[in-house]
């Protein structure tokens, strides 16, 4: 039995991963805005909720994120960019996970294997970007990838059995992606959860600081 913490546990992917972990006998703690008032862009809220946890966890998943915020769709080109839309994307998709990762050294055991993973997206890969567009979302996900990589370097100094990674779950059929499902093959949240857990179960400290997709294939930064 593993001790698991899911941040963003009311969302499609987070909820599915939490349920899958419970089904295999893990002890799961869930945090979300809807159920717990956990505001990932508010450092006071993040600090209060995470500091209140009195345990360490074998697996921490940060499954928060947003594609459209306040009706601002992904830009078709940089000409469509607005300051507010970009700042909103960075707040939710980069700052939020960073505020959680600030607590990673306290949430994870120092002397036993553990995983901390952040749900990212392939469109955040600079090396894989061949189409342009989606500037704010891409940039925020690229930023969180850098945050994950940096955190991994720092955690390795004190948590030598920890892997800190970014994960791309594929296109998952949730309200998050509903308007865009026609463009790409998609999977259910339940299938995505099983895929991600298969990847996570194969990770160790040698994979820390890297970016993997749902099939365990490394994604270029």
C-alpha atoms as a PDB file:
ATOM      1  CA  UNK A   1       0.000   0.000   0.000  1.00  0.00           C
ATOM      2  CA  UNK A   2       1.308   3.422  -0.977  1.00  0.00           C
ATOM      3  CA  UNK A   3       0.450   6.779   0.517  1.00  0.00           C
ATOM      4  CA  UNK A   4      -0.754   9.054  -2.285  1.00  0.00           C
ATOM      5  CA  UNK A   5      -1.581  12.764  -2.480  1.00  0.00           C
ATOM      6  CA  UNK A   6      -3.593  14.059  -5.436  1.00  0.00           C
ATOM      7  CA  UNK A   7      -3.689  17.825  -5.934  1.00  0.00           C
ATOM      8  CA  UNK A   8      -6.606  18.726  -8.201  1.00  0.00           C
ATOM      9  CA  UNK A   9      -8.551  15.609  -7.243  1.00  0.00           C
ATOM     10  CA  UNK A  10     -11.920  16.913  -8.441  1.00  0.00           C
ATOM     11  CA  UNK A  11     -10.782  17.260 -12.065  1.00  0.00           C
ATOM     12  CA  UNK A  12     -11.133  14.538 -14.670  1.00  0.00           C
ATOM     13  CA  UNK A  13      -7.573  13.189 -14.582  1.00  0.00           C
ATOM     14  CA  UNK A  14      -6.950  13.802 -10.891  1.00  0.00           C
ATOM     15  CA  UNK A  15     -10.169  12.131  -9.833  1.00  0.00           C
ATOM     16  CA  UNK A  16      -9.529   9.137 -12.089  1.00  0.00           C
ATOM     17  CA  UNK A  17      -5.989   8.653 -10.780  1.00  0.00           C
ATOM     18  CA  UNK A  18      -7.183   8.949  -7.174  1.00  0.00           C
ATOM     19  CA  UNK A  19      -9.912   6.363  -7.793  1.00  0.00           C
ATOM     20  CA  UNK A  20      -7.485   4.001  -9.538  1.00  0.00           C
ATOM     21  CA  UNK A  21      -5.012   4.276  -6.660  1.00  0.00           C
ATOM     22  CA  UNK A  22      -7.734   3.523  -4.115  1.00  0.00           C
ATOM     23  CA  UNK A  23      -8.886   0.533  -6.171  1.00  0.00           C
ATOM     24  CA  UNK A  24      -5.439  -1.027  -5.903  1.00  0.00           C
ATOM     25  CA  UNK A  25      -5.302  -0.484  -2.155  1.00  0.00           C
ATOM     26  CA  UNK A  26      -3.398   2.774  -1.816  1.00  0.00           C
ATOM     27  CA  UNK A  27      -4.270   5.283   0.891  1.00  0.00           C
ATOM     28  CA  UNK A  28      -5.208   8.470  -0.938  1.00  0.00           C
ATOM     29  CA  UNK A  29      -5.435  12.056   0.305  1.00  0.00           C
ATOM     30  CA  UNK A  30      -7.283  14.398  -2.050  1.00  0.00           C
ATOM     31  CA  UNK A  31      -7.153  18.176  -2.328  1.00  0.00           C
ATOM     32  CA  UNK A  32      -9.158  20.367  -4.695  1.00  0.00           C
ATOM     33  CA  UNK A  33     -10.695  23.784  -4.943  1.00  0.00           C
ATOM     34  CA  UNK A  34     -14.210  22.408  -5.297  1.00  0.00           C
ATOM     35  CA  UNK A  35     -14.113  20.115  -2.273  1.00  0.00           C
ATOM     36  CA  UNK A  36     -11.525  21.712   0.008  1.00  0.00           C
ATOM     37  CA  UNK A  37     -11.170  25.359  -0.991  1.00  0.00           C
ATOM     38  CA  UNK A  38      -7.631  24.653  -2.182  1.00  0.00           C
ATOM     39  CA  UNK A  39      -6.731  27.649  -4.378  1.00  0.00           C
ATOM     40  CA  UNK A  40      -3.595  26.674  -6.243  1.00  0.00           C
ATOM     41  CA  UNK A  41      -2.779  30.230  -7.352  1.00  0.00           C
ATOM     42  CA  UNK A  42      -3.042  31.579  -3.788  1.00  0.00           C
ATOM     43  CA  UNK A  43       0.137  30.911  -1.843  1.00  0.00           C
ATOM     44  CA  UNK A  44      -1.628  31.407   1.494  1.00  0.00           C
ATOM     45  CA  UNK A  45      -4.164  28.720   0.612  1.00  0.00           C
ATOM     46  CA  UNK A  46      -1.508  26.348  -0.728  1.00  0.00           C
ATOM     47  CA  UNK A  47       0.716  26.827   2.310  1.00  0.00           C
ATOM     48  CA  UNK A  48      -2.150  26.364   4.765  1.00  0.00           C
ATOM     49  CA  UNK A  49      -3.459  23.158   3.203  1.00  0.00           C
ATOM     50  CA  UNK A  50      -0.084  21.516   2.630  1.00  0.00           C
ATOM     51  CA  UNK A  51       1.356  22.532   5.984  1.00  0.00           C
ATOM     52  CA  UNK A  52      -1.642  20.916   7.660  1.00  0.00           C
ATOM     53  CA  UNK A  53      -0.699  17.505   6.233  1.00  0.00           C
ATOM     54  CA  UNK A  54       1.106  15.504   8.907  1.00  0.00           C
ATOM     55  CA  UNK A  55       2.351  12.677   6.727  1.00  0.00           C
ATOM     56  CA  UNK A  56       4.753  12.095   3.869  1.00  0.00           C
ATOM     57  CA  UNK A  57       3.658  10.484   0.601  1.00  0.00           C
ATOM     58  CA  UNK A  58       5.108   7.885  -1.725  1.00  0.00           C
ATOM     59  CA  UNK A  59       3.392   9.499  -4.713  1.00  0.00           C
ATOM     60  CA  UNK A  60       2.298  13.111  -5.150  1.00  0.00           C
ATOM     61  CA  UNK A  61       0.456  14.107  -8.327  1.00  0.00           C
ATOM     62  CA  UNK A  62      -0.240  17.729  -9.238  1.00  0.00           C
ATOM     63  CA  UNK A  63      -3.142  17.370 -11.652  1.00  0.00           C
ATOM     64  CA  UNK A  64      -4.377  20.954 -11.787  1.00  0.00           C
ATOM     65  CA  UNK A  65      -4.525  23.040 -14.942  1.00  0.00           C
ATOM     66  CA  UNK A  66      -6.682  24.992 -17.350  1.00  0.00           C
ATOM     67  CA  UNK A  67      -6.846  25.376 -21.111  1.00  0.00           C
ATOM     68  CA  UNK A  68      -9.414  28.161 -21.274  1.00  0.00           C
ATOM     69  CA  UNK A  69      -9.656  30.716 -18.485  1.00  0.00           C
ATOM     70  CA  UNK A  70     -12.559  33.168 -18.367  1.00  0.00           C
ATOM     71  CA  UNK A  71     -13.468  32.305 -21.930  1.00  0.00           C
ATOM     72  CA  UNK A  72     -10.055  33.056 -23.420  1.00  0.00           C
ATOM     73  CA  UNK A  73      -9.458  30.334 -26.024  1.00  0.00           C
ATOM     74  CA  UNK A  74      -5.933  29.330 -27.092  1.00  0.00           C
ATOM     75  CA  UNK A  75      -4.533  31.874 -29.542  1.00  0.00           C
ATOM     76  CA  UNK A  76      -4.384  30.950 -33.217  1.00  0.00           C
ATOM     77  CA  UNK A  77      -1.323  33.197 -33.526  1.00  0.00           C
ATOM     78  CA  UNK A  78       0.740  35.549 -31.399  1.00  0.00           C
ATOM     79  CA  UNK A  79      -1.231  38.439 -32.923  1.00  0.00           C
ATOM     80  CA  UNK A  80      -4.178  37.339 -30.764  1.00  0.00           C
ATOM     81  CA  UNK A  81      -2.244  37.410 -27.489  1.00  0.00           C
ATOM     82  CA  UNK A  82      -3.494  39.528 -24.591  1.00  0.00           C
ATOM     83  CA  UNK A  83      -1.635  40.255 -21.398  1.00  0.00           C
ATOM     84  CA  UNK A  84      -4.462  39.051 -19.155  1.00  0.00           C
ATOM     85  CA  UNK A  85      -4.912  35.730 -20.927  1.00  0.00           C
ATOM     86  CA  UNK A  86      -1.186  34.995 -20.758  1.00  0.00           C
ATOM     87  CA  UNK A  87      -0.881  35.982 -17.102  1.00  0.00           C
ATOM     88  CA  UNK A  88      -3.921  33.845 -16.235  1.00  0.00           C
ATOM     89  CA  UNK A  89      -2.307  30.854 -17.951  1.00  0.00           C
ATOM     90  CA  UNK A  90       0.941  31.332 -16.073  1.00  0.00           C
ATOM     91  CA  UNK A  91      -0.893  31.686 -12.766  1.00  0.00           C
ATOM     92  CA  UNK A  92      -2.773  28.394 -13.105  1.00  0.00           C
ATOM     93  CA  UNK A  93      -0.383  26.238 -15.127  1.00  0.00           C
ATOM     94  CA  UNK A  94       3.036  27.382 -13.878  1.00  0.00           C
ATOM     95  CA  UNK A  95       2.801  29.374 -10.650  1.00  0.00           C
ATOM     96  CA  UNK A  96       0.283  26.993  -9.068  1.00  0.00           C
ATOM     97  CA  UNK A  97       2.396  23.835  -9.436  1.00  0.00           C
ATOM     98  CA  UNK A  98       5.480  25.817  -8.334  1.00  0.00           C
ATOM     99  CA  UNK A  99       3.726  26.791  -5.109  1.00  0.00           C
ATOM    100  CA  UNK A 100       3.000  23.107  -4.441  1.00  0.00           C
ATOM    101  CA  UNK A 101       6.519  21.989  -5.355  1.00  0.00           C
ATOM    102  CA  UNK A 102       7.839  24.501  -2.848  1.00  0.00           C
ATOM    103  CA  UNK A 103       6.581  21.990  -0.248  1.00  0.00           C
ATOM    104  CA  UNK A 104       7.923  18.893  -2.012  1.00  0.00           C
ATOM    105  CA  UNK A 105      10.825  18.319   0.362  1.00  0.00           C
ATOM    106  CA  UNK A 106       8.384  18.132   3.287  1.00  0.00           C
ATOM    107  CA  UNK A 107       5.774  16.033   1.475  1.00  0.00           C
ATOM    108  CA  UNK A 108       8.183  13.294   0.388  1.00  0.00           C
ATOM    109  CA  UNK A 109      10.199  10.838   2.498  1.00  0.00           C
ATOM    110  CA  UNK A 110      13.953  11.399   2.546  1.00  0.00           C
ATOM    111  CA  UNK A 111      15.058   7.794   2.799  1.00  0.00           C
ATOM    112  CA  UNK A 112      12.638   5.747   0.704  1.00  0.00           C
ATOM    113  CA  UNK A 113      11.470   5.782  -2.933  1.00  0.00           C
ATOM    114  CA  UNK A 114       8.927   8.416  -3.954  1.00  0.00           C
ATOM    115  CA  UNK A 115       7.499  10.141  -7.006  1.00  0.00           C
ATOM    116  CA  UNK A 116       6.249  13.684  -7.486  1.00  0.00           C
ATOM    117  CA  UNK A 117       4.681  14.308 -10.879  1.00  0.00           C
ATOM    118  CA  UNK A 118       3.116  17.332 -12.541  1.00  0.00           C
ATOM    119  CA  UNK A 119       0.589  17.005 -15.356  1.00  0.00           C
ATOM    120  CA  UNK A 120       2.085  18.984 -18.222  1.00  0.00           C
ATOM    121  CA  UNK A 121       1.302  18.831 -21.954  1.00  0.00           C
ATOM    122  CA  UNK A 122       3.191  17.954 -25.108  1.00  0.00           C
ATOM    123  CA  UNK A 123       2.393  21.400 -26.515  1.00  0.00           C
ATOM    124  CA  UNK A 124       4.695  22.787 -23.813  1.00  0.00           C
ATOM    125  CA  UNK A 125       7.648  21.116 -25.506  1.00  0.00           C
ATOM    126  CA  UNK A 126       9.794  23.679 -27.319  1.00  0.00           C
ATOM    127  CA  UNK A 127      11.528  20.969 -29.325  1.00  0.00           C
ATOM    128  CA  UNK A 128       8.241  19.447 -30.468  1.00  0.00           C
ATOM    129  CA  UNK A 129       6.569  22.718 -31.497  1.00  0.00           C
ATOM    130  CA  UNK A 130       6.155  22.768 -35.270  1.00  0.00           C
ATOM    131  CA  UNK A 131       2.785  24.494 -35.620  1.00  0.00           C
ATOM    132  CA  UNK A 132       2.890  27.707 -33.607  1.00  0.00           C
ATOM    133  CA  UNK A 133      -0.237  29.118 -31.980  1.00  0.00           C
ATOM    134  CA  UNK A 134      -1.493  28.496 -28.451  1.00  0.00           C
ATOM    135  CA  UNK A 135       1.173  30.910 -27.238  1.00  0.00           C
ATOM    136  CA  UNK A 136      -0.012  31.454 -23.663  1.00  0.00           C
ATOM    137  CA  UNK A 137      -0.814  27.817 -22.898  1.00  0.00           C
ATOM    138  CA  UNK A 138       2.362  26.535 -24.560  1.00  0.00           C
ATOM    139  CA  UNK A 139       4.489  29.041 -22.699  1.00  0.00           C
ATOM    140  CA  UNK A 140       2.926  28.281 -19.326  1.00  0.00           C
ATOM    141  CA  UNK A 141       3.464  24.554 -19.825  1.00  0.00           C
ATOM    142  CA  UNK A 142       7.046  25.168 -20.960  1.00  0.00           C
ATOM    143  CA  UNK A 143       7.507  27.160 -17.761  1.00  0.00           C
ATOM    144  CA  UNK A 144       6.156  24.386 -15.558  1.00  0.00           C
ATOM    145  CA  UNK A 145       8.489  21.944 -17.293  1.00  0.00           C
ATOM    146  CA  UNK A 146      11.418  24.171 -16.286  1.00  0.00           C
ATOM    147  CA  UNK A 147      10.032  24.342 -12.742  1.00  0.00           C
ATOM    148  CA  UNK A 148       9.844  20.535 -12.591  1.00  0.00           C
ATOM    149  CA  UNK A 149      13.384  20.139 -13.929  1.00  0.00           C
ATOM    150  CA  UNK A 150      14.773  22.669 -11.449  1.00  0.00           C
ATOM    151  CA  UNK A 151      12.906  21.099  -8.532  1.00  0.00           C
ATOM    152  CA  UNK A 152      14.264  17.691  -9.508  1.00  0.00           C
ATOM    153  CA  UNK A 153      17.843  18.988  -9.328  1.00  0.00           C
ATOM    154  CA  UNK A 154      17.279  20.464  -5.881  1.00  0.00           C
ATOM    155  CA  UNK A 155      15.383  17.435  -4.502  1.00  0.00           C
ATOM    156  CA  UNK A 156      18.154  15.103  -5.619  1.00  0.00           C
ATOM    157  CA  UNK A 157      20.456  16.682  -3.036  1.00  0.00           C
ATOM    158  CA  UNK A 158      18.300  15.581  -0.098  1.00  0.00           C
ATOM    159  CA  UNK A 159      15.841  13.005  -1.496  1.00  0.00           C
ATOM    160  CA  UNK A 160      18.108  10.664  -3.386  1.00  0.00           C
ATOM    161  CA  UNK A 161      15.394   8.060  -4.059  1.00  0.00           C
ATOM    162  CA  UNK A 162      12.864  10.537  -5.469  1.00  0.00           C
ATOM    163  CA  UNK A 163      11.839  11.049  -9.080  1.00  0.00           C
ATOM    164  CA  UNK A 164      10.356  14.451  -9.934  1.00  0.00           C
ATOM    165  CA  UNK A 165       8.850  14.430 -13.433  1.00  0.00           C
ATOM    166  CA  UNK A 166       6.450  16.092 -15.854  1.00  0.00           C
ATOM    167  CA  UNK A 167       3.807  13.881 -17.473  1.00  0.00           C
ATOM    168  CA  UNK A 168       1.798  14.282 -20.674  1.00  0.00           C
ATOM    169  CA  UNK A 169      -1.446  12.278 -20.295  1.00  0.00           C
ATOM    170  CA  UNK A 170      -2.472  12.480 -23.948  1.00  0.00           C
ATOM    171  CA  UNK A 171      -5.779  14.027 -24.986  1.00  0.00           C
ATOM    172  CA  UNK A 172      -8.235  13.031 -22.296  1.00  0.00           C
ATOM    173  CA  UNK A 173     -11.998  13.304 -22.777  1.00  0.00           C
ATOM    174  CA  UNK A 174     -12.882  15.767 -20.007  1.00  0.00           C
ATOM    175  CA  UNK A 175     -14.647  19.146 -19.890  1.00  0.00           C
ATOM    176  CA  UNK A 176     -11.120  20.607 -20.064  1.00  0.00           C
ATOM    177  CA  UNK A 177     -10.712  19.372 -23.656  1.00  0.00           C
ATOM    178  CA  UNK A 178     -14.322  19.064 -24.800  1.00  0.00           C
ATOM    179  CA  UNK A 179     -14.122  21.737 -27.512  1.00  0.00           C
ATOM    180  CA  UNK A 180     -10.952  20.222 -29.004  1.00  0.00           C
ATOM    181  CA  UNK A 181     -11.646  16.494 -29.016  1.00  0.00           C
ATOM    182  CA  UNK A 182     -12.377  16.349 -32.741  1.00  0.00           C
ATOM    183  CA  UNK A 183      -8.790  17.226 -33.608  1.00  0.00           C
ATOM    184  CA  UNK A 184      -6.955  14.418 -31.822  1.00  0.00           C
ATOM    185  CA  UNK A 185      -7.593  10.823 -30.693  1.00  0.00           C
ATOM    186  CA  UNK A 186      -8.688  10.831 -27.061  1.00  0.00           C
ATOM    187  CA  UNK A 187      -8.988   8.424 -24.150  1.00  0.00           C
ATOM    188  CA  UNK A 188     -11.275   8.312 -21.150  1.00  0.00           C
ATOM    189  CA  UNK A 189     -10.034   9.633 -17.798  1.00  0.00           C
ATOM    190  CA  UNK A 190     -10.008   6.053 -16.510  1.00  0.00           C
ATOM    191  CA  UNK A 191      -7.755   4.858 -19.336  1.00  0.00           C
ATOM    192  CA  UNK A 192      -5.516   7.900 -18.939  1.00  0.00           C
ATOM    193  CA  UNK A 193      -5.181   7.171 -15.223  1.00  0.00           C
ATOM    194  CA  UNK A 194      -4.105   3.589 -15.848  1.00  0.00           C
ATOM    195  CA  UNK A 195      -1.609   4.742 -18.473  1.00  0.00           C
ATOM    196  CA  UNK A 196      -0.104   7.320 -16.133  1.00  0.00           C
ATOM    197  CA  UNK A 197       0.140   4.894 -13.228  1.00  0.00           C
ATOM    198  CA  UNK A 198       1.923   2.390 -15.452  1.00  0.00           C
ATOM    199  CA  UNK A 199       4.484   5.082 -16.281  1.00  0.00           C
ATOM    200  CA  UNK A 200       4.802   6.225 -12.666  1.00  0.00           C
ATOM    201  CA  UNK A 201       5.291   2.662 -11.425  1.00  0.00           C
ATOM    202  CA  UNK A 202       8.315   2.345 -13.724  1.00  0.00           C
ATOM    203  CA  UNK A 203      10.042   5.521 -12.552  1.00  0.00           C
ATOM    204  CA  UNK A 204      13.017   5.783 -10.257  1.00  0.00           C
ATOM    205  CA  UNK A 205      15.650   8.369  -9.351  1.00  0.00           C
ATOM    206  CA  UNK A 206      17.447   7.780 -12.644  1.00  0.00           C
ATOM    207  CA  UNK A 207      14.436   9.325 -14.426  1.00  0.00           C
ATOM    208  CA  UNK A 208      14.152  12.407 -12.247  1.00  0.00           C
ATOM    209  CA  UNK A 209      13.948  15.780 -13.966  1.00  0.00           C
ATOM    210  CA  UNK A 210      12.520  14.366 -17.195  1.00  0.00           C
ATOM    211  CA  UNK A 211       9.299  14.645 -19.221  1.00  0.00           C
ATOM    212  CA  UNK A 212       7.338  11.527 -20.223  1.00  0.00           C
ATOM    213  CA  UNK A 213       4.171  10.911 -22.175  1.00  0.00           C
ATOM    214  CA  UNK A 214       1.357   8.490 -21.321  1.00  0.00           C
ATOM    215  CA  UNK A 215       3.234   5.607 -22.966  1.00  0.00           C
ATOM    216  CA  UNK A 216       6.454   6.243 -21.056  1.00  0.00           C
ATOM    217  CA  UNK A 217       8.210   7.801 -24.053  1.00  0.00           C
ATOM    218  CA  UNK A 218      10.418  10.755 -23.179  1.00  0.00           C
ATOM    219  CA  UNK A 219       9.246  14.099 -24.606  1.00  0.00           C
ATOM    220  CA  UNK A 220      11.881  16.694 -25.630  1.00  0.00           C
ATOM    221  CA  UNK A 221      11.965  19.876 -23.608  1.00  0.00           C
END
